[in-house]
């Protein structure tokens, strides 16, 4: 894998986590917290996935690209709900294998396939997809603008993209910004505001929704479940890694309580004059 040593560490952590989240206790916790049991690493709940399905409004035969799909949530669910085809991309091969097995088990109506791919350099021809979705992916990547440009290139001229992202609250003092950056996903910091990056990448903003309140409840519920089932979680992750997982969730809960981080949902359409 390309990237800095820090990026490679994050990559290996995600690759391992996709496997560990298939454990029975983790899937029970996921069902309690998010309403699904795919082994998801994003914060999309079942209620949110239903809203996203309505925003995408795809039909059988349409092509959906799920970027950073991990183990398949919610891309497979969305494809099943709408009857469309789904292509899933990520870098850890293990997560994609889990996703393909789940697509088969869920008996989705359309086709499903997966590709190991860097989101900043998607290996598809121009204008192939009717819609793109990614859930809390940009906050885990450094090349945010490149990803947005890559997605713009592969979507149809009349297509759309919907995505959620965790971000640092704009206008913080330096000390608060550092605290927010330490509490969020590995690369939550961004060089600019998302509406500005979307404009530079050739997207027109059509809808923007604040998901912060629901995100705060979901993270709090996750922390409660991790603590309540600590012995079982420790057995899956190992005591040290499980303790770090709980510490990260506490830091996020604290940052949300102080208004340092946010989670938002964007819906955008491609600007026809730029690819």
Protein backbone atom coordinates (compact mmCIF):
# COMPACT_ATOMS: atom_id res chain seq x y z
CA UNK A 1 0.00 0.00 0.00
CA UNK A 2 1.16 3.52 -0.78
CA UNK A 3 1.13 6.30 1.81
CA UNK A 4 2.90 7.51 4.89
CA UNK A 5 3.79 5.16 7.76
CA UNK A 6 0.84 6.62 9.69
CA UNK A 7 -1.52 5.83 6.81
CA UNK A 8 -0.20 2.29 6.60
CA UNK A 9 -0.82 1.76 10.32
CA UNK A 10 -4.42 2.95 9.90
CA UNK A 11 -4.87 0.68 6.88
CA UNK A 12 -3.67 -2.36 8.82
CA UNK A 13 -5.92 -1.46 11.75
CA UNK A 14 -9.00 -1.32 9.51
CA UNK A 15 -8.02 -4.55 7.75
CA UNK A 16 -7.87 -6.35 11.09
CA UNK A 17 -10.98 -4.68 12.45
CA UNK A 18 -13.21 -5.89 9.59
CA UNK A 19 -12.48 -9.45 10.68
CA UNK A 20 -12.88 -8.84 14.41
CA UNK A 21 -16.23 -7.09 13.99
CA UNK A 22 -17.71 -10.33 12.68
CA UNK A 23 -17.52 -11.79 16.20
CA UNK A 24 -20.91 -12.58 17.76
CA UNK A 25 -20.61 -10.00 20.55
CA UNK A 26 -19.67 -7.23 18.11
CA UNK A 27 -22.57 -8.03 15.83
CA UNK A 28 -24.95 -8.02 18.82
CA UNK A 29 -23.62 -4.61 19.83
CA UNK A 30 -23.95 -3.33 16.27
CA UNK A 31 -27.58 -4.47 16.08
CA UNK A 32 -28.30 -2.68 19.35
CA UNK A 33 -26.52 0.53 18.35
CA UNK A 34 -27.04 0.85 14.58
CA UNK A 35 -29.77 -1.66 13.72
CA UNK A 36 -27.51 -3.71 11.44
CA UNK A 37 -24.98 -6.51 11.83
CA UNK A 38 -22.53 -6.25 8.93
CA UNK A 39 -19.46 -5.43 10.98
CA UNK A 40 -19.65 -1.77 9.99
CA UNK A 41 -16.95 0.76 10.83
CA UNK A 42 -19.03 3.83 9.94
CA UNK A 43 -21.81 5.45 11.96
CA UNK A 44 -24.70 5.01 9.52
CA UNK A 45 -27.71 3.64 11.39
CA UNK A 46 -30.58 1.70 9.81
CA UNK A 47 -32.83 4.77 10.10
CA UNK A 48 -30.22 6.88 8.31
CA UNK A 49 -29.72 4.22 5.60
CA UNK A 50 -33.44 4.36 4.85
CA UNK A 51 -33.23 8.12 4.40
CA UNK A 52 -30.22 7.72 2.10
CA UNK A 53 -32.08 5.13 0.03
CA UNK A 54 -34.82 7.69 -0.57
CA UNK A 55 -32.29 10.37 -1.50
CA UNK A 56 -30.55 8.12 -4.02
CA UNK A 57 -33.83 6.82 -5.49
CA UNK A 58 -32.20 4.27 -7.78
CA UNK A 59 -33.94 1.56 -9.77
CA UNK A 60 -33.13 -1.95 -10.99
CA UNK A 61 -30.36 -1.73 -13.58
CA UNK A 62 -28.88 1.45 -12.11
CA UNK A 63 -25.25 1.36 -10.99
CA UNK A 64 -24.31 2.38 -7.43
CA UNK A 65 -20.71 2.80 -6.31
CA UNK A 66 -20.02 2.38 -2.58
CA UNK A 67 -16.61 3.92 -1.87
CA UNK A 68 -14.74 2.62 1.17
CA UNK A 69 -17.41 -0.03 1.54
CA UNK A 70 -15.63 -2.15 4.13
CA UNK A 71 -17.75 -5.16 4.98
CA UNK A 72 -20.72 -3.92 2.96
CA UNK A 73 -22.80 -1.64 5.19
CA UNK A 74 -24.82 0.14 4.01
CA UNK A 75 -24.03 -0.38 0.31
CA UNK A 76 -25.47 -3.90 0.20
CA UNK A 77 -28.54 -2.82 2.15
CA UNK A 78 -29.09 0.10 -0.24
CA UNK A 79 -28.77 -2.17 -3.27
CA UNK A 80 -31.24 -4.63 -1.76
CA UNK A 81 -33.74 -1.89 -0.95
CA UNK A 82 -33.59 -0.28 -4.40
CA UNK A 83 -32.87 -3.35 -6.53
CA UNK A 84 -29.88 -1.69 -8.16
CA UNK A 85 -26.42 -3.09 -8.92
CA UNK A 86 -23.63 -2.21 -6.47
CA UNK A 87 -19.88 -1.95 -6.93
CA UNK A 88 -17.85 -1.84 -3.73
CA UNK A 89 -14.33 -0.48 -3.36
CA UNK A 90 -11.89 -0.46 -0.49
CA UNK A 91 -8.23 -1.26 0.14
CA UNK A 92 -8.44 -4.13 2.68
CA UNK A 93 -9.25 -7.26 0.68
CA UNK A 94 -10.62 -9.03 3.75
CA UNK A 95 -13.43 -6.53 4.17
CA UNK A 96 -14.47 -6.86 0.53
CA UNK A 97 -14.58 -10.64 0.81
CA UNK A 98 -16.90 -10.30 3.81
CA UNK A 99 -19.04 -7.86 1.81
CA UNK A 100 -19.37 -10.20 -1.18
CA UNK A 101 -20.35 -13.08 1.08
CA UNK A 102 -22.96 -10.87 2.73
CA UNK A 103 -24.35 -9.74 -0.65
CA UNK A 104 -24.84 -13.40 -1.55
CA UNK A 105 -26.44 -14.20 1.81
CA UNK A 106 -28.78 -11.20 1.56
CA UNK A 107 -29.85 -12.27 -1.96
CA UNK A 108 -29.83 -8.77 -3.38
CA UNK A 109 -31.74 -8.43 -6.64
CA UNK A 110 -29.03 -6.73 -8.69
CA UNK A 111 -25.43 -7.60 -9.38
CA UNK A 112 -22.68 -7.00 -6.82
CA UNK A 113 -18.94 -6.90 -7.30
CA UNK A 114 -15.89 -5.53 -5.55
CA UNK A 115 -12.57 -3.94 -6.44
CA UNK A 116 -9.51 -3.26 -4.32
CA UNK A 117 -9.02 0.40 -5.14
CA UNK A 118 -7.72 3.70 -3.81
CA UNK A 119 -10.61 6.16 -3.58
CA UNK A 120 -8.40 8.96 -4.89
CA UNK A 121 -7.69 7.05 -8.13
CA UNK A 122 -10.79 5.00 -8.85
CA UNK A 123 -10.06 2.46 -11.62
CA UNK A 124 -13.24 3.01 -13.62
CA UNK A 125 -14.02 4.73 -16.90
CA UNK A 126 -15.64 8.15 -16.98
CA UNK A 127 -19.36 8.46 -16.28
CA UNK A 128 -20.09 4.81 -15.51
CA UNK A 129 -22.11 5.14 -12.26
CA UNK A 130 -25.59 6.53 -11.70
CA UNK A 131 -24.85 7.31 -8.07
CA UNK A 132 -22.07 7.19 -5.49
CA UNK A 133 -22.29 6.76 -1.76
CA UNK A 134 -19.69 6.77 0.99
CA UNK A 135 -20.21 6.66 4.73
CA UNK A 136 -17.70 8.46 6.99
CA UNK A 137 -14.89 7.73 4.54
CA UNK A 138 -13.39 11.17 3.81
CA UNK A 139 -12.62 11.70 7.50
CA UNK A 140 -10.42 8.60 7.36
CA UNK A 141 -8.44 9.70 4.27
CA UNK A 142 -5.88 12.42 3.68
CA UNK A 143 -6.51 13.14 -0.02
CA UNK A 144 -10.06 14.41 0.38
CA UNK A 145 -10.13 16.70 -2.65
CA UNK A 146 -8.61 14.01 -4.86
CA UNK A 147 -11.32 11.58 -3.75
CA UNK A 148 -14.07 14.08 -4.56
CA UNK A 149 -12.54 14.69 -8.00
CA UNK A 150 -12.18 10.97 -8.64
CA UNK A 151 -15.83 10.41 -7.75
CA UNK A 152 -16.87 13.29 -10.01
CA UNK A 153 -15.05 11.68 -12.94
CA UNK A 154 -16.80 8.30 -12.69
CA UNK A 155 -20.38 9.52 -12.16
CA UNK A 156 -22.83 10.17 -14.99
CA UNK A 157 -23.58 13.75 -15.93
CA UNK A 158 -27.10 13.37 -14.48
CA UNK A 159 -25.94 11.30 -11.49
CA UNK A 160 -25.60 12.14 -7.83
CA UNK A 161 -23.46 11.51 -4.78
CA UNK A 162 -24.58 11.24 -1.17
CA UNK A 163 -22.11 10.93 1.68
CA UNK A 164 -21.74 11.39 5.42
CA UNK A 165 -18.61 12.78 7.01
CA UNK A 166 -17.31 13.63 10.48
CA UNK A 167 -15.67 17.06 10.61
CA UNK A 168 -14.15 19.53 13.01
CA UNK A 169 -16.45 22.40 13.90
CA UNK A 170 -15.33 25.49 11.94
CA UNK A 171 -13.93 28.52 13.78
CA UNK A 172 -12.31 26.78 16.76
CA UNK A 173 -9.32 28.24 18.57
CA UNK A 174 -6.04 26.39 18.03
CA UNK A 175 -6.18 24.46 21.31
CA UNK A 176 -9.78 23.39 20.70
CA UNK A 177 -8.93 22.39 17.14
CA UNK A 178 -6.12 20.13 18.34
CA UNK A 179 -8.44 18.53 20.89
CA UNK A 180 -11.07 17.95 18.22
CA UNK A 181 -8.53 16.43 15.83
CA UNK A 182 -7.32 14.04 18.53
CA UNK A 183 -10.86 12.89 19.34
CA UNK A 184 -12.12 12.14 15.85
CA UNK A 185 -11.29 9.68 13.06
CA UNK A 186 -7.60 9.38 12.07
CA UNK A 187 -7.65 12.10 9.38
CA UNK A 188 -10.62 14.22 10.43
CA UNK A 189 -8.69 17.45 9.76
CA UNK A 190 -9.43 18.98 6.36
CA UNK A 191 -7.72 21.63 4.26
CA UNK A 192 -10.83 23.74 3.79
CA UNK A 193 -14.58 23.50 4.25
CA UNK A 194 -16.45 20.72 2.51
CA UNK A 195 -18.71 22.99 0.41
CA UNK A 196 -15.56 24.70 -0.91
CA UNK A 197 -13.86 21.38 -1.70
CA UNK A 198 -16.99 20.11 -3.43
CA UNK A 199 -17.10 23.23 -5.58
CA UNK A 200 -13.43 22.82 -6.53
CA UNK A 201 -14.06 19.18 -7.44
CA UNK A 202 -16.93 20.05 -9.81
CA UNK A 203 -19.93 19.25 -7.61
CA UNK A 204 -23.02 21.36 -6.94
CA UNK A 205 -24.43 21.10 -3.43
CA UNK A 206 -28.13 20.12 -3.44
CA UNK A 207 -28.75 19.17 0.20
CA UNK A 208 -26.88 19.36 3.50
CA UNK A 209 -28.10 17.91 6.78
CA UNK A 210 -26.75 18.08 10.32
CA UNK A 211 -26.48 14.58 11.81
CA UNK A 212 -24.55 15.62 14.92
CA UNK A 213 -27.30 15.03 17.50
CA UNK A 214 -27.97 11.51 16.23
CA UNK A 215 -24.23 10.84 16.00
CA UNK A 216 -23.76 11.87 19.63
CA UNK A 217 -26.50 9.47 20.73
CA UNK A 218 -25.07 6.65 18.63
CA UNK A 219 -21.50 7.06 19.91
CA UNK A 220 -22.78 7.26 23.49
CA UNK A 221 -24.81 4.09 22.99
CA UNK A 222 -21.77 2.35 21.48
CA UNK A 223 -19.59 3.33 24.44
CA UNK A 224 -22.24 2.05 26.84
CA UNK A 225 -22.38 -1.29 25.02
CA UNK A 226 -18.60 -1.65 24.86
CA UNK A 227 -18.40 -1.08 28.61
CA UNK A 228 -21.35 -3.31 29.41
CA UNK A 229 -19.86 -6.21 27.43
CA UNK A 230 -16.24 -5.41 28.30
CA UNK A 231 -15.21 -8.99 29.10
CA UNK A 232 -16.49 -10.33 25.77
CA UNK A 233 -15.05 -7.41 23.82
CA UNK A 234 -11.68 -7.83 25.53
CA UNK A 235 -11.68 -11.47 24.45
CA UNK A 236 -12.16 -10.42 20.81
CA UNK A 237 -9.81 -7.42 20.59
CA UNK A 238 -7.39 -8.16 23.42
CA UNK A 239 -7.47 -6.12 26.61
CA UNK A 240 -5.14 -3.34 25.43
CA UNK A 241 -6.84 -2.77 22.05
CA UNK A 242 -10.30 -2.97 23.61
CA UNK A 243 -9.31 -0.39 26.22
CA UNK A 244 -8.02 1.90 23.46
CA UNK A 245 -11.30 1.46 21.57
CA UNK A 246 -13.29 2.53 24.62
CA UNK A 247 -10.93 5.46 25.23
CA UNK A 248 -11.45 6.67 21.64
CA UNK A 249 -15.20 6.54 22.09
CA UNK A 250 -15.00 8.48 25.38
CA UNK A 251 -12.89 11.14 23.68
CA UNK A 252 -15.45 11.45 20.89
CA UNK A 253 -18.34 11.72 23.36
CA UNK A 254 -16.47 14.46 25.24
CA UNK A 255 -15.67 16.35 22.02
CA UNK A 256 -19.28 16.17 20.87
CA UNK A 257 -20.45 17.43 24.24
CA UNK A 258 -18.12 20.42 23.87
CA UNK A 259 -19.26 21.11 20.30
CA UNK A 260 -15.82 20.41 18.83
CA UNK A 261 -16.84 17.91 16.15
CA UNK A 262 -19.85 17.43 13.91
CA UNK A 263 -21.28 14.87 11.51
CA UNK A 264 -23.07 15.95 8.35
CA UNK A 265 -24.77 14.45 5.31
CA UNK A 266 -24.21 15.94 1.86
CA UNK A 267 -26.10 15.37 -1.37
CA UNK A 268 -24.43 16.72 -4.50
CA UNK A 269 -24.80 16.61 -8.27
CA UNK A 270 -22.07 16.87 -10.90
CA UNK A 271 -21.55 20.23 -12.54
CA UNK A 272 -21.86 19.44 -16.27
CA UNK A 273 -19.05 21.75 -17.36
CA UNK A 274 -16.35 20.11 -15.25
CA UNK A 275 -15.02 16.57 -14.99
